Each structure stands twice: as structure tokens, then as C-alpha cells.
Amino acid sequence: MVTLGLFVLIDAKPGKEDEVESFLKEAIALAEMEEGTPVWFSIRLGPTTFAVFDAFADEAGREAHLSGQIAKALEDQASRLFAKPPAVNKLNILAAKLPGR
């Protein structure tokens, strides 16, 4: 069961919205390689606002994700694509409905 999560808000620089969208769509390949990340979504909330939501069974999975390839890619692209640094919010999951459960 997933009990912990992250919600990361991302604001694209003007004119970089399509690149941010492509970057987040392509990041699914990195998420699929993370055994400790069973739930991962990239989301578009508005014209320039994006988010990533992911969930984990334990703190070890969340910490591995925070030091993994997606986090590194976000850091590498931040100054080029994002209006400000992504806002990383740690959260506790109270209940979840997932496929196969």
C-alpha cells in the first residue's frame, strides 16, 4: 500500500510550455525504472502550470526517488525551462484506490 507521496508544482517559463510538457511526458520512462515508485503522474494544471504526483510504500522509496534520475533531470533543466524552482511538497496518503487492489 502507498502511504507517502510527493506533489511537485512546476511553472514553465514563457514560451517553454511545450518543452516542459514534452519533458514530463518523456520522464515516464525514468519513473518506470524506479522499483520504489509504484505510482507516478505528470499533470498539466493550466497554460503554464504543471505538476508531478507520485506515491511510495515507504520513506526509503520516496528518498530514492528524490535522489534519482527524474529529480536530477528536473534540476538539470530547471534554469532553462522553469520560471522558478519546482515546489516539492511531501505528503501522507490517507487512502488510495489503485488497479489490482
PDB file of N, CA and C in Angstrom:
ATOM      1  N   MET A   1       0.839  -1.180   0.000  1.00  0.00           N
ATOM      2  CA  MET A   1       0.000   0.000   0.000  1.00  0.00           C
ATOM      3  C   MET A   1       0.883   1.243   0.000  1.00  0.00           C
ATOM      4  N   VAL A   2       0.471   2.248  -0.751  1.00  0.00           N
ATOM      5  CA  VAL A   2       1.196   3.511  -0.772  1.00  0.00           C
ATOM      6  C   VAL A   2       0.752   4.358   0.412  1.00  0.00           C
ATOM      7  N   THR A   3       1.705   4.926   1.113  1.00  0.00           N
ATOM      8  CA  THR A   3       1.399   5.722   2.300  1.00  0.00           C
ATOM      9  C   THR A   3       2.021   7.109   2.258  1.00  0.00           C
ATOM     10  N   LEU A   4       2.983   7.306   1.374  1.00  0.00           N
ATOM     11  CA  LEU A   4       3.683   8.583   1.271  1.00  0.00           C
ATOM     12  C   LEU A   4       3.667   9.060  -0.165  1.00  0.00           C
ATOM     13  N   GLY A   5       3.794  10.367  -0.349  1.00  0.00           N
ATOM     14  CA  GLY A   5       3.790  10.884  -1.706  1.00  0.00           C
ATOM     15  C   GLY A   5       4.563  12.167  -1.839  1.00  0.00           C
ATOM     16  N   LEU A   6       4.613  12.634  -3.073  1.00  0.00           N
ATOM     17  CA  LEU A   6       5.176  13.928  -3.425  1.00  0.00           C
ATOM     18  C   LEU A   6       4.230  14.605  -4.394  1.00  0.00           C
ATOM     19  N   PHE A   7       4.065  15.903  -4.240  1.00  0.00           N
ATOM     20  CA  PHE A   7       3.333  16.721  -5.204  1.00  0.00           C
ATOM     21  C   PHE A   7       4.255  17.874  -5.543  1.00  0.00           C
ATOM     22  N   VAL A   8       4.714  17.915  -6.782  1.00  0.00           N
ATOM     23  CA  VAL A   8       5.701  18.893  -7.217  1.00  0.00           C
ATOM     24  C   VAL A   8       5.050  19.845  -8.210  1.00  0.00           C
ATOM     25  N   LEU A   9       4.970  21.120  -7.842  1.00  0.00           N
ATOM     26  CA  LEU A   9       4.416  22.142  -8.731  1.00  0.00           C
ATOM     27  C   LEU A   9       5.527  22.754  -9.566  1.00  0.00           C
ATOM     28  N   ILE A  10       5.247  22.910 -10.857  1.00  0.00           N
ATOM     29  CA  ILE A  10       6.229  23.405 -11.809  1.00  0.00           C
ATOM     30  C   ILE A  10       5.596  24.511 -12.636  1.00  0.00           C
ATOM     31  N   ASP A  11       6.254  25.655 -12.701  1.00  0.00           N
ATOM     32  CA  ASP A  11       5.805  26.770 -13.536  1.00  0.00           C
ATOM     33  C   ASP A  11       6.775  26.920 -14.699  1.00  0.00           C
ATOM     34  N   ALA A  12       6.254  26.795 -15.911  1.00  0.00           N
ATOM     35  CA  ALA A  12       7.085  26.918 -17.108  1.00  0.00           C
ATOM     36  C   ALA A  12       7.412  28.381 -17.385  1.00  0.00           C
ATOM     37  N   LYS A  13       8.609  28.601 -17.908  1.00  0.00           N
ATOM     38  CA  LYS A  13       8.954  29.934 -18.392  1.00  0.00           C
ATOM     39  C   LYS A  13       8.078  30.249 -19.603  1.00  0.00           C
ATOM     40  N   PRO A  14       7.772  31.516 -19.833  1.00  0.00           N
ATOM     41  CA  PRO A  14       7.003  31.877 -21.031  1.00  0.00           C
ATOM     42  C   PRO A  14       7.693  31.353 -22.288  1.00  0.00           C
ATOM     43  N   GLY A  15       6.916  30.720 -23.135  1.00  0.00           N
ATOM     44  CA  GLY A  15       7.438  30.158 -24.376  1.00  0.00           C
ATOM     45  C   GLY A  15       8.037  28.773 -24.234  1.00  0.00           C
ATOM     46  N   LYS A  16       8.135  28.251 -23.013  1.00  0.00           N
ATOM     47  CA  LYS A  16       8.737  26.929 -22.781  1.00  0.00           C
ATOM     48  C   LYS A  16       7.699  25.867 -22.413  1.00  0.00           C
ATOM     49  N   GLU A  17       6.429  26.217 -22.494  1.00  0.00           N
ATOM     50  CA  GLU A  17       5.367  25.309 -22.059  1.00  0.00           C
ATOM     51  C   GLU A  17       5.396  23.976 -22.807  1.00  0.00           C
ATOM     52  N   ASP A  18       5.556  24.012 -24.113  1.00  0.00           N
ATOM     53  CA  ASP A  18       5.569  22.766 -24.893  1.00  0.00           C
ATOM     54  C   ASP A  18       6.776  21.900 -24.539  1.00  0.00           C
ATOM     55  N   GLU A  19       7.913  22.533 -24.278  1.00  0.00           N
ATOM     56  CA  GLU A  19       9.099  21.781 -23.887  1.00  0.00           C
ATOM     57  C   GLU A  19       8.925  21.135 -22.517  1.00  0.00           C
ATOM     58  N   VAL A  20       8.302  21.861 -21.591  1.00  0.00           N
ATOM     59  CA  VAL A  20       8.044  21.292 -20.266  1.00  0.00           C
ATOM     60  C   VAL A  20       7.099  20.103 -20.402  1.00  0.00           C
ATOM     61  N   GLU A  21       6.051  20.253 -21.205  1.00  0.00           N
ATOM     62  CA  GLU A  21       5.115  19.145 -21.405  1.00  0.00           C
ATOM     63  C   GLU A  21       5.833  17.927 -21.987  1.00  0.00           C
ATOM     64  N   SER A  22       6.644  18.124 -22.991  1.00  0.00           N
ATOM     65  CA  SER A  22       7.387  17.002 -23.595  1.00  0.00           C
ATOM     66  C   SER A  22       8.326  16.365 -22.585  1.00  0.00           C
ATOM     67  N   PHE A  23       9.034  17.200 -21.826  1.00  0.00           N
ATOM     68  CA  PHE A  23       9.950  16.701 -20.807  1.00  0.00           C
ATOM     69  C   PHE A  23       9.216  15.814 -19.810  1.00  0.00           C
ATOM     70  N   LEU A  24       8.064  16.266 -19.335  1.00  0.00           N
ATOM     71  CA  LEU A  24       7.311  15.496 -18.345  1.00  0.00           C
ATOM     72  C   LEU A  24       6.715  14.225 -18.944  1.00  0.00           C
ATOM     73  N   LYS A  25       6.306  14.265 -20.184  1.00  0.00           N
ATOM     74  CA  LYS A  25       5.806  13.048 -20.832  1.00  0.00           C
ATOM     75  C   LYS A  25       6.918  12.011 -20.983  1.00  0.00           C
ATOM     76  N   GLU A  26       8.111  12.473 -21.339  1.00  0.00           N
ATOM     77  CA  GLU A  26       9.231  11.561 -21.536  1.00  0.00           C
ATOM     78  C   GLU A  26       9.761  10.998 -20.219  1.00  0.00           C
ATOM     79  N   ALA A  27       9.536  11.702 -19.126  1.00  0.00           N
ATOM     80  CA  ALA A  27      10.044  11.265 -17.819  1.00  0.00           C
ATOM     81  C   ALA A  27       9.396   9.968 -17.346  1.00  0.00           C
ATOM     82  N   ILE A  28       8.287   9.555 -17.954  1.00  0.00           N
ATOM     83  CA  ILE A  28       7.642   8.297 -17.563  1.00  0.00           C
ATOM     84  C   ILE A  28       8.615   7.126 -17.715  1.00  0.00           C
ATOM     85  N   ALA A  29       9.491   7.195 -18.700  1.00  0.00           N
ATOM     86  CA  ALA A  29      10.462   6.114 -18.897  1.00  0.00           C
ATOM     87  C   ALA A  29      11.382   5.982 -17.689  1.00  0.00           C
ATOM     88  N   LEU A  30      11.771   7.103 -17.099  1.00  0.00           N
ATOM     89  CA  LEU A  30      12.607   7.065 -15.898  1.00  0.00           C
ATOM     90  C   LEU A  30      11.810   6.552 -14.702  1.00  0.00           C
ATOM     91  N   ALA A  31      10.560   6.982 -14.585  1.00  0.00           N
ATOM     92  CA  ALA A  31       9.714   6.531 -13.472  1.00  0.00           C
ATOM     93  C   ALA A  31       9.497   5.031 -13.522  1.00  0.00           C
ATOM     94  N   GLU A  32       9.335   4.491 -14.719  1.00  0.00           N
ATOM     95  CA  GLU A  32       9.106   3.052 -14.854  1.00  0.00           C
ATOM     96  C   GLU A  32      10.309   2.227 -14.400  1.00  0.00           C
ATOM     97  N   MET A  33      11.486   2.815 -14.374  1.00  0.00           N
ATOM     98  CA  MET A  33      12.690   2.095 -13.934  1.00  0.00           C
ATOM     99  C   MET A  33      12.858   2.119 -12.419  1.00  0.00           C
ATOM    100  N   GLU A  34      12.090   2.937 -11.727  1.00  0.00           N
ATOM    101  CA  GLU A  34      12.206   3.042 -10.282  1.00  0.00           C
ATOM    102  C   GLU A  34      11.296   2.026  -9.594  1.00  0.00           C
ATOM    103  N   GLU A  35      11.891   1.002  -9.021  1.00  0.00           N
ATOM    104  CA  GLU A  35      11.103  -0.037  -8.354  1.00  0.00           C
ATOM    105  C   GLU A  35      10.338   0.497  -7.155  1.00  0.00           C
ATOM    106  N   GLY A  36      10.877   1.501  -6.489  1.00  0.00           N
ATOM    107  CA  GLY A  36      10.237   2.044  -5.298  1.00  0.00           C
ATOM    108  C   GLY A  36       9.200   3.109  -5.573  1.00  0.00           C
ATOM    109  N   THR A  37       8.882   3.343  -6.869  1.00  0.00           N
ATOM    110  CA  THR A  37       7.889   4.343  -7.258  1.00  0.00           C
ATOM    111  C   THR A  37       6.752   3.647  -8.010  1.00  0.00           C
ATOM    112  N   PRO A  38       5.761   3.103  -7.285  1.00  0.00           N
ATOM    113  CA  PRO A  38       4.690   2.382  -7.956  1.00  0.00           C
ATOM    114  C   PRO A  38       3.640   3.275  -8.613  1.00  0.00           C
ATOM    115  N   VAL A  39       3.578   4.539  -8.208  1.00  0.00           N
ATOM    116  CA  VAL A  39       2.578   5.466  -8.743  1.00  0.00           C
ATOM    117  C   VAL A  39       3.302   6.741  -9.176  1.00  0.00           C
ATOM    118  N   TRP A  40       3.088   7.159 -10.423  1.00  0.00           N
ATOM    119  CA  TRP A  40       3.729   8.376 -10.937  1.00  0.00           C
ATOM    120  C   TRP A  40       2.841   8.991 -12.004  1.00  0.00           C
ATOM    121  N   PHE A  41       2.546  10.266 -11.849  1.00  0.00           N
ATOM    122  CA  PHE A  41       1.751  11.014 -12.821  1.00  0.00           C
ATOM    123  C   PHE A  41       2.442  12.333 -13.132  1.00  0.00           C
ATOM    124  N   SER A  42       2.447  12.735 -14.388  1.00  0.00           N
ATOM    125  CA  SER A  42       2.778  14.117 -14.734  1.00  0.00           C
ATOM    126  C   SER A  42       1.470  14.744 -15.212  1.00  0.00           C
ATOM    127  N   ILE A  43       1.255  15.993 -14.807  1.00  0.00           N
ATOM    128  CA  ILE A  43      -0.057  16.630 -14.953  1.00  0.00           C
ATOM    129  C   ILE A  43       0.117  18.045 -15.485  1.00  0.00           C
ATOM    130  N   ARG A  44      -0.792  18.474 -16.330  1.00  0.00           N
ATOM    131  CA  ARG A  44      -0.848  19.885 -16.742  1.00  0.00           C
ATOM    132  C   ARG A  44      -2.070  20.493 -16.061  1.00  0.00           C
ATOM    133  N   LEU A  45      -1.823  21.509 -15.236  1.00  0.00           N
ATOM    134  CA  LEU A  45      -2.892  22.155 -14.472  1.00  0.00           C
ATOM    135  C   LEU A  45      -3.428  23.405 -15.154  1.00  0.00           C
ATOM    136  N   GLY A  46      -2.671  23.980 -16.038  1.00  0.00           N
ATOM    137  CA  GLY A  46      -3.072  25.205 -16.721  1.00  0.00           C
ATOM    138  C   GLY A  46      -2.080  25.521 -17.820  1.00  0.00           C
ATOM    139  N   PRO A  47      -2.205  26.698 -18.425  1.00  0.00           N
ATOM    140  CA  PRO A  47      -1.344  27.038 -19.561  1.00  0.00           C
ATOM    141  C   PRO A  47       0.147  26.952 -19.260  1.00  0.00           C
ATOM    142  N   THR A  48       0.571  27.360 -18.063  1.00  0.00           N
ATOM    143  CA  THR A  48       1.995  27.346 -17.731  1.00  0.00           C
ATOM    144  C   THR A  48       2.300  26.539 -16.472  1.00  0.00           C
ATOM    145  N   THR A  49       1.280  25.933 -15.881  1.00  0.00           N
ATOM    146  CA  THR A  49       1.444  25.231 -14.610  1.00  0.00           C
ATOM    147  C   THR A  49       1.342  23.721 -14.800  1.00  0.00           C
ATOM    148  N   PHE A  50       2.340  23.037 -14.286  1.00  0.00           N
ATOM    149  CA  PHE A  50       2.421  21.588 -14.378  1.00  0.00           C
ATOM    150  C   PHE A  50       2.659  21.024 -12.991  1.00  0.00           C
ATOM    151  N   ALA A  51       2.523  19.710 -12.864  1.00  0.00           N
ATOM    152  CA  ALA A  51       2.802  19.060 -11.587  1.00  0.00           C
ATOM    153  C   ALA A  51       3.208  17.620 -11.829  1.00  0.00           C
ATOM    154  N   VAL A  52       3.863  17.071 -10.826  1.00  0.00           N
ATOM    155  CA  VAL A  52       4.152  15.643 -10.780  1.00  0.00           C
ATOM    156  C   VAL A  52       3.612  15.155  -9.450  1.00  0.00           C
ATOM    157  N   PHE A  53       2.859  14.051  -9.498  1.00  0.00           N
ATOM    158  CA  PHE A  53       2.392  13.393  -8.281  1.00  0.00           C
ATOM    159  C   PHE A  53       2.923  11.976  -8.315  1.00  0.00           C
ATOM    160  N   ASP A  54       3.543  11.560  -7.232  1.00  0.00           N
ATOM    161  CA  ASP A  54       3.983  10.180  -7.127  1.00  0.00           C
ATOM    162  C   ASP A  54       3.756   9.680  -5.718  1.00  0.00           C
ATOM    163  N   ALA A  55       3.688   8.358  -5.589  1.00  0.00           N
ATOM    164  CA  ALA A  55       3.380   7.749  -4.299  1.00  0.00           C
ATOM    165  C   ALA A  55       4.320   6.579  -4.050  1.00  0.00           C
ATOM    166  N   PHE A  56       4.513   6.302  -2.751  1.00  0.00           N
ATOM    167  CA  PHE A  56       5.511   5.320  -2.331  1.00  0.00           C
ATOM    168  C   PHE A  56       4.983   4.502  -1.157  1.00  0.00           C
ATOM    169  N   ALA A  57       5.499   3.314  -1.011  1.00  0.00           N
ATOM    170  CA  ALA A  57       5.113   2.445   0.098  1.00  0.00           C
ATOM    171  C   ALA A  57       5.813   2.838   1.391  1.00  0.00           C
ATOM    172  N   ASP A  58       6.986   3.465   1.254  1.00  0.00           N
ATOM    173  CA  ASP A  58       7.760   3.798   2.459  1.00  0.00           C
ATOM    174  C   ASP A  58       8.705   4.958   2.176  1.00  0.00           C
ATOM    175  N   GLU A  59       9.339   5.421   3.248  1.00  0.00           N
ATOM    176  CA  GLU A  59      10.252   6.569   3.135  1.00  0.00           C
ATOM    177  C   GLU A  59      11.465   6.237   2.281  1.00  0.00           C
ATOM    178  N   ALA A  60      11.924   4.995   2.319  1.00  0.00           N
ATOM    179  CA  ALA A  60      13.079   4.606   1.506  1.00  0.00           C
ATOM    180  C   ALA A  60      12.786   4.797   0.019  1.00  0.00           C
ATOM    181  N   GLY A  61      11.581   4.435  -0.422  1.00  0.00           N
ATOM    182  CA  GLY A  61      11.191   4.621  -1.812  1.00  0.00           C
ATOM    183  C   GLY A  61      11.119   6.084  -2.193  1.00  0.00           C
ATOM    184  N   ARG A  62      10.560   6.893  -1.289  1.00  0.00           N
ATOM    185  CA  ARG A  62      10.445   8.323  -1.565  1.00  0.00           C
ATOM    186  C   ARG A  62      11.834   8.964  -1.637  1.00  0.00           C
ATOM    187  N   GLU A  63      12.701   8.626  -0.698  1.00  0.00           N
ATOM    188  CA  GLU A  63      14.043   9.206  -0.694  1.00  0.00           C
ATOM    189  C   GLU A  63      14.852   8.760  -1.915  1.00  0.00           C
ATOM    190  N   ALA A  64      14.688   7.495  -2.320  1.00  0.00           N
ATOM    191  CA  ALA A  64      15.374   7.016  -3.525  1.00  0.00           C
ATOM    192  C   ALA A  64      14.912   7.804  -4.744  1.00  0.00           C
ATOM    193  N   HIS A  65      13.623   8.094  -4.802  1.00  0.00           N
ATOM    194  CA  HIS A  65      13.088   8.880  -5.916  1.00  0.00           C
ATOM    195  C   HIS A  65      13.647  10.308  -5.890  1.00  0.00           C
ATOM    196  N   LEU A  66      13.701  10.899  -4.711  1.00  0.00           N
ATOM    197  CA  LEU A  66      14.194  12.277  -4.587  1.00  0.00           C
ATOM    198  C   LEU A  66      15.673  12.406  -4.960  1.00  0.00           C
ATOM    199  N   SER A  67      16.394  11.323  -4.909  1.00  0.00           N
ATOM    200  CA  SER A  67      17.799  11.365  -5.305  1.00  0.00           C
ATOM    201  C   SER A  67      18.035  10.627  -6.626  1.00  0.00           C
ATOM    202  N   GLY A  68      16.951  10.308  -7.331  1.00  0.00           N
ATOM    203  CA  GLY A  68      17.039   9.523  -8.559  1.00  0.00           C
ATOM    204  C   GLY A  68      17.140  10.354  -9.827  1.00  0.00           C
ATOM    205  N   GLN A  69      16.946   9.675 -10.938  1.00  0.00           N
ATOM    206  CA  GLN A  69      17.150  10.261 -12.262  1.00  0.00           C
ATOM    207  C   GLN A  69      16.135  11.362 -12.610  1.00  0.00           C
ATOM    208  N   ILE A  70      14.891  11.223 -12.189  1.00  0.00           N
ATOM    209  CA  ILE A  70      13.905  12.261 -12.501  1.00  0.00           C
ATOM    210  C   ILE A  70      14.246  13.550 -11.766  1.00  0.00           C
ATOM    211  N   ALA A  71      14.574  13.433 -10.490  1.00  0.00           N
ATOM    212  CA  ALA A  71      14.949  14.623  -9.716  1.00  0.00           C
ATOM    213  C   ALA A  71      16.180  15.285 -10.330  1.00  0.00           C
ATOM    214  N   LYS A  72      17.144  14.486 -10.743  1.00  0.00           N
ATOM    215  CA  LYS A  72      18.351  15.030 -11.366  1.00  0.00           C
ATOM    216  C   LYS A  72      18.008  15.734 -12.680  1.00  0.00           C
ATOM    217  N   ALA A  73      17.141  15.128 -13.480  1.00  0.00           N
ATOM    218  CA  ALA A  73      16.738  15.741 -14.747  1.00  0.00           C
ATOM    219  C   ALA A  73      15.990  17.055 -14.504  1.00  0.00           C
ATOM    220  N   LEU A  74      15.128  17.090 -13.483  1.00  0.00           N
ATOM    221  CA  LEU A  74      14.431  18.338 -13.145  1.00  0.00           C
ATOM    222  C   LEU A  74      15.439  19.422 -12.777  1.00  0.00           C
ATOM    223  N   GLU A  75      16.405  19.079 -11.958  1.00  0.00           N
ATOM    224  CA  GLU A  75      17.435  20.045 -11.558  1.00  0.00           C
ATOM    225  C   GLU A  75      18.225  20.536 -12.767  1.00  0.00           C
ATOM    226  N   ASP A  76      18.583  19.619 -13.654  1.00  0.00           N
ATOM    227  CA  ASP A  76      19.376  19.971 -14.833  1.00  0.00           C
ATOM    228  C   ASP A  76      18.636  20.925 -15.768  1.00  0.00           C
ATOM    229  N   GLN A  77      17.320  20.794 -15.847  1.00  0.00           N
ATOM    230  CA  GLN A  77      16.523  21.598 -16.769  1.00  0.00           C
ATOM    231  C   GLN A  77      15.896  22.835 -16.126  1.00  0.00           C
ATOM    232  N   ALA A  78      15.974  22.946 -14.816  1.00  0.00           N
ATOM    233  CA  ALA A  78      15.245  23.982 -14.082  1.00  0.00           C
ATOM    234  C   ALA A  78      15.515  25.387 -14.606  1.00  0.00           C
ATOM    235  N   SER A  79      16.753  25.783 -14.735  1.00  0.00           N
ATOM    236  CA  SER A  79      17.041  27.166 -15.132  1.00  0.00           C
ATOM    237  C   SER A  79      16.635  27.455 -16.576  1.00  0.00           C
ATOM    238  N   ARG A  80      16.616  26.441 -17.401  1.00  0.00           N
ATOM    239  CA  ARG A  80      16.262  26.629 -18.810  1.00  0.00           C
ATOM    240  C   ARG A  80      14.757  26.641 -19.037  1.00  0.00           C
ATOM    241  N   LEU A  81      14.026  25.796 -18.306  1.00  0.00           N
ATOM    242  CA  LEU A  81      12.601  25.605 -18.591  1.00  0.00           C
ATOM    243  C   LEU A  81      11.633  26.223 -17.576  1.00  0.00           C
ATOM    244  N   PHE A  82      12.058  26.373 -16.334  1.00  0.00           N
ATOM    245  CA  PHE A  82      11.123  26.725 -15.268  1.00  0.00           C
ATOM    246  C   PHE A  82      11.269  28.178 -14.832  1.00  0.00           C
ATOM    247  N   ALA A  83      10.133  28.823 -14.562  1.00  0.00           N
ATOM    248  CA  ALA A  83      10.124  30.215 -14.126  1.00  0.00           C
ATOM    249  C   ALA A  83      10.705  30.363 -12.725  1.00  0.00           C
ATOM    250  N   LYS A  84      10.593  29.326 -11.929  1.00  0.00           N
ATOM    251  CA  LYS A  84      11.149  29.300 -10.571  1.00  0.00           C
ATOM    252  C   LYS A  84      11.420  27.847 -10.227  1.00  0.00           C
ATOM    253  N   PRO A  85      12.186  27.583  -9.176  1.00  0.00           N
ATOM    254  CA  PRO A  85      12.453  26.185  -8.822  1.00  0.00           C
ATOM    255  C   PRO A  85      11.152  25.428  -8.525  1.00  0.00           C
ATOM    256  N   PRO A  86      11.072  24.164  -8.923  1.00  0.00           N
ATOM    257  CA  PRO A  86       9.882  23.366  -8.606  1.00  0.00           C
ATOM    258  C   PRO A  86       9.631  23.351  -7.100  1.00  0.00           C
ATOM    259  N   ALA A  87       8.363  23.425  -6.714  1.00  0.00           N
ATOM    260  CA  ALA A  87       7.965  23.377  -5.309  1.00  0.00           C
ATOM    261  C   ALA A  87       7.652  21.930  -4.946  1.00  0.00           C
ATOM    262  N   VAL A  88       8.525  21.319  -4.167  1.00  0.00           N
ATOM    263  CA  VAL A  88       8.395  19.912  -3.787  1.00  0.00           C
ATOM    264  C   VAL A  88       7.661  19.832  -2.452  1.00  0.00           C
ATOM    265  N   ASN A  89       6.509  19.186  -2.458  1.00  0.00           N
ATOM    266  CA  ASN A  89       5.691  19.025  -1.252  1.00  0.00           C
ATOM    267  C   ASN A  89       5.617  17.550  -0.886  1.00  0.00           C
ATOM    268  N   LYS A  90       6.119  17.207   0.290  1.00  0.00           N
ATOM    269  CA  LYS A  90       5.981  15.842   0.804  1.00  0.00           C
ATOM    270  C   LYS A  90       4.600  15.715   1.433  1.00  0.00           C
ATOM    271  N   LEU A  91       3.972  14.549   1.258  1.00  0.00           N
ATOM    272  CA  LEU A  91       2.637  14.365   1.807  1.00  0.00           C
ATOM    273  C   LEU A  91       2.437  12.950   2.299  1.00  0.00           C
ATOM    274  N   ASN A  92       1.422  12.797   3.144  1.00  0.00           N
ATOM    275  CA  ASN A  92       0.995  11.482   3.616  1.00  0.00           C
ATOM    276  C   ASN A  92      -0.293  11.126   2.890  1.00  0.00           C
ATOM    277  N   ILE A  93      -0.388   9.910   2.413  1.00  0.00           N
ATOM    278  CA  ILE A  93      -1.578   9.446   1.709  1.00  0.00           C
ATOM    279  C   ILE A  93      -2.514   8.797   2.729  1.00  0.00           C
ATOM    280  N   LEU A  94      -3.726   9.290   2.791  1.00  0.00           N
ATOM    281  CA  LEU A  94      -4.704   8.773   3.751  1.00  0.00           C
ATOM    282  C   LEU A  94      -5.443   7.548   3.232  1.00  0.00           C
ATOM    283  N   ALA A  95      -5.730   7.528   1.938  1.00  0.00           N
ATOM    284  CA  ALA A  95      -6.425   6.403   1.316  1.00  0.00           C
ATOM    285  C   ALA A  95      -6.116   6.425  -0.163  1.00  0.00           C
ATOM    286  N   ALA A  96      -6.150   5.261  -0.792  1.00  0.00           N
ATOM    287  CA  ALA A  96      -5.858   5.177  -2.227  1.00  0.00           C
ATOM    288  C   ALA A  96      -6.632   4.019  -2.834  1.00  0.00           C
ATOM    289  N   LYS A  97      -7.088   4.229  -4.054  1.00  0.00           N
ATOM    290  CA  LYS A  97      -7.688   3.167  -4.857  1.00  0.00           C
ATOM    291  C   LYS A  97      -6.800   3.001  -6.082  1.00  0.00           C
ATOM    292  N   LEU A  98      -6.167   1.856  -6.183  1.00  0.00           N
ATOM    293  CA  LEU A  98      -5.256   1.573  -7.286  1.00  0.00           C
ATOM    294  C   LEU A  98      -5.699   0.324  -8.021  1.00  0.00           C
ATOM    295  N   PRO A  99      -5.345   0.175  -9.289  1.00  0.00           N
ATOM    296  CA  PRO A  99      -5.696  -1.040 -10.019  1.00  0.00           C
ATOM    297  C   PRO A  99      -5.146  -2.279  -9.318  1.00  0.00           C
ATOM    298  N   GLY A 100      -5.889  -3.340  -9.362  1.00  0.00           N
ATOM    299  CA  GLY A 100      -5.458  -4.614  -8.790  1.00  0.00           C
ATOM    300  C   GLY A 100      -5.563  -4.689  -7.281  1.00  0.00           C
ATOM    301  N   ARG A 101      -6.244  -3.751  -6.688  1.00  0.00           N
ATOM    302  CA  ARG A 101      -6.374  -3.753  -5.216  1.00  0.00           C
ATOM    303  C   ARG A 101      -7.805  -3.994  -4.816  1.00  0.00           C
TER     304      ARG A 101
END
